C-alpha cells in the first residue's frame, strides 16, 4: 500500500487498485478502515497496511512543510 498527496487530494495505491480522494476526507477514510478491521476480526490483517499508510500520511500532512513526491 502506498499513499501520496498534493494540496487537494490523496491517492491510495494497492497491488490491484488505486483511488484518489479529497484531502479533507483523509480522517474519514482512516476511520472507515479502522472500523472495518474492528467489525471483521477474521480479516483484520487485511487492513493493517492501509491503516498504517493512512496514519503515516496523516502525520505527514499535519507537518507544515511535509510534501509527498
C-alpha atoms as a PDB file:
ATOM      1  CA  UNK A   1       0.000   0.000   0.000  1.00  0.00           C
ATOM      2  CA  UNK A   2       1.246   3.448  -0.873  1.00  0.00           C
ATOM      3  CA  UNK A   3      -0.302   6.853  -0.271  1.00  0.00           C
ATOM      4  CA  UNK A   4       0.675  10.124  -1.905  1.00  0.00           C
ATOM      5  CA  UNK A   5      -0.896  13.562  -1.797  1.00  0.00           C
ATOM      6  CA  UNK A   6      -0.894  17.073  -3.159  1.00  0.00           C
ATOM      7  CA  UNK A   7      -2.616  20.254  -1.980  1.00  0.00           C
ATOM      8  CA  UNK A   8      -6.146  18.961  -2.563  1.00  0.00           C
ATOM      9  CA  UNK A   9      -6.194  15.161  -2.752  1.00  0.00           C
ATOM     10  CA  UNK A  10      -4.552  11.936  -1.696  1.00  0.00           C
ATOM     11  CA  UNK A  11      -4.185   8.721  -3.638  1.00  0.00           C
ATOM     12  CA  UNK A  12      -4.093   5.224  -2.188  1.00  0.00           C
ATOM     13  CA  UNK A  13      -2.431   2.642  -4.411  1.00  0.00           C
ATOM     14  CA  UNK A  14      -2.677  -1.050  -3.654  1.00  0.00           C
ATOM     15  CA  UNK A  15      -1.497  -4.058  -5.634  1.00  0.00           C
ATOM     16  CA  UNK A  16      -4.606  -4.248  -7.807  1.00  0.00           C
ATOM     17  CA  UNK A  17      -6.389  -0.936  -7.278  1.00  0.00           C
ATOM     18  CA  UNK A  18      -6.000   2.758  -6.609  1.00  0.00           C
ATOM     19  CA  UNK A  19      -8.286   5.594  -5.628  1.00  0.00           C
ATOM     20  CA  UNK A  20      -7.998   9.361  -5.284  1.00  0.00           C
ATOM     21  CA  UNK A  21      -9.976  11.253  -2.643  1.00  0.00           C
ATOM     22  CA  UNK A  22     -10.230  14.832  -1.338  1.00  0.00           C
ATOM     23  CA  UNK A  23      -7.566  15.525   1.275  1.00  0.00           C
ATOM     24  CA  UNK A  24     -10.204  16.658   3.781  1.00  0.00           C
ATOM     25  CA  UNK A  25     -11.661  13.113   3.650  1.00  0.00           C
ATOM     26  CA  UNK A  26      -8.443  11.556   4.993  1.00  0.00           C
ATOM     27  CA  UNK A  27      -9.722  11.259   8.603  1.00  0.00           C
ATOM     28  CA  UNK A  28     -12.934   9.635   7.370  1.00  0.00           C
ATOM     29  CA  UNK A  29     -11.087   7.034   5.317  1.00  0.00           C
ATOM     30  CA  UNK A  30      -8.781   6.231   8.232  1.00  0.00           C
ATOM     31  CA  UNK A  31     -11.853   5.800  10.436  1.00  0.00           C
ATOM     32  CA  UNK A  32     -13.519   3.607   7.812  1.00  0.00           C
ATOM     33  CA  UNK A  33     -10.576   1.202   7.606  1.00  0.00           C
ATOM     34  CA  UNK A  34     -10.229   1.061  11.386  1.00  0.00           C
ATOM     35  CA  UNK A  35     -13.945   0.265  11.626  1.00  0.00           C
ATOM     36  CA  UNK A  36     -13.624  -2.483   9.017  1.00  0.00           C
ATOM     37  CA  UNK A  37     -10.764  -4.021  10.997  1.00  0.00           C
ATOM     38  CA  UNK A  38     -12.852  -3.920  14.170  1.00  0.00           C
ATOM     39  CA  UNK A  39     -16.007  -5.281  12.526  1.00  0.00           C
ATOM     40  CA  UNK A  40     -14.297  -8.065  10.592  1.00  0.00           C
ATOM     41  CA  UNK A  41     -11.812  -9.507  13.047  1.00  0.00           C
ATOM     42  CA  UNK A  42     -11.096 -12.569  10.895  1.00  0.00           C
ATOM     43  CA  UNK A  43      -9.831 -10.245   8.162  1.00  0.00           C
ATOM     44  CA  UNK A  44      -8.092  -7.799  10.497  1.00  0.00           C
ATOM     45  CA  UNK A  45      -4.655  -8.316   8.944  1.00  0.00           C
ATOM     46  CA  UNK A  46      -6.029  -7.298   5.560  1.00  0.00           C
ATOM     47  CA  UNK A  47      -6.487  -3.721   6.768  1.00  0.00           C
ATOM     48  CA  UNK A  48      -3.210  -3.248   8.647  1.00  0.00           C
ATOM     49  CA  UNK A  49      -1.128  -1.945   5.734  1.00  0.00           C
ATOM     50  CA  UNK A  50      -3.823   0.506   4.670  1.00  0.00           C
ATOM     51  CA  UNK A  51      -4.290   1.803   8.209  1.00  0.00           C
ATOM     52  CA  UNK A  52      -0.535   2.167   8.724  1.00  0.00           C
ATOM     53  CA  UNK A  53      -0.162   4.082   5.459  1.00  0.00           C
ATOM     54  CA  UNK A  54      -3.116   6.372   6.205  1.00  0.00           C
ATOM     55  CA  UNK A  55      -1.694   7.045   9.695  1.00  0.00           C
ATOM     56  CA  UNK A  56       1.701   7.866   8.151  1.00  0.00           C
ATOM     57  CA  UNK A  57       0.039  10.151   5.620  1.00  0.00           C
ATOM     58  CA  UNK A  58      -1.952  11.892   8.363  1.00  0.00           C
ATOM     59  CA  UNK A  59       1.263  12.631  10.268  1.00  0.00           C
ATOM     60  CA  UNK A  60       2.962  13.879   7.104  1.00  0.00           C
ATOM     61  CA  UNK A  61       0.069  16.128   6.083  1.00  0.00           C
ATOM     62  CA  UNK A  62      -0.029  17.601   9.595  1.00  0.00           C
ATOM     63  CA  UNK A  63       3.598  18.713   9.286  1.00  0.00           C
ATOM     64  CA  UNK A  64       3.877  22.253   7.913  1.00  0.00           C
ATOM     65  CA  UNK A  65       6.475  21.538   5.226  1.00  0.00           C
ATOM     66  CA  UNK A  66       5.852  17.822   4.612  1.00  0.00           C
ATOM     67  CA  UNK A  67       5.151  17.011   0.978  1.00  0.00           C
ATOM     68  CA  UNK A  68       4.898  13.702  -0.752  1.00  0.00           C
ATOM     69  CA  UNK A  69       6.699  13.145  -4.021  1.00  0.00           C
END
